[in-house]
Amino acid sequence: MLFANSLRKIGIEARVEAAPWPVVNSRFRDKNQMHDMVPLWKSTYYADPNNWVGELLSTRYLGVRNNFWYSNPELDKLTDAALNSTDQAERTKLYEQASRHVVENAVGIYVYNTNGTAPIRARSTASASRRSARARRCAGRISSRPSLPPVARSAIGGA
């Protein structure tokens, strides 16, 4: 309601709909049912820029990870080239260009982003599965802080 009230102050009427996650998630998969705005939290699944700009906004992930239904050939060219390159300097340059594209084209509204990292020490006596479970518990504590990165998808594909 706070968000809707803030939008009303700038002349935008919003209807807030509460729905269980399975309903919201199923609408992500269907472009015609997707809401115009959805507060959304996203976690890093792996340490690579493709996890963010590539999977969130590339056409190849439409309806799977790209729930904004944003599709742009220029962005796809950058993210595809970066994804297929093994040269880290080239990948950095391409993902920086892709990120600039996202900002310059107002693709999304990013409200908050946590910067949480935690040292994890693997004990020589711990098994790999125990270390993995410990890492998941630690990651859960880090990622459970309040966060609303990609907020909305507008009629032109913003998120």
Foldseek 3Di string as FASTA:
>chain_A
DVVQVVVVVVPDHDDDDDDDPVVQLVLLQPPVSHDQKAQDADDQPDPDLCSPLVCCADPVNRSNSPSLNHYDVVLNVLSVVLVPDPDPVSNVVSSVVSVVVCVVVQQFDFDDDADDDDDQDDDPPDDPVVSVVVVVVVVCVRRPDDGGGGIGHHPNRHD
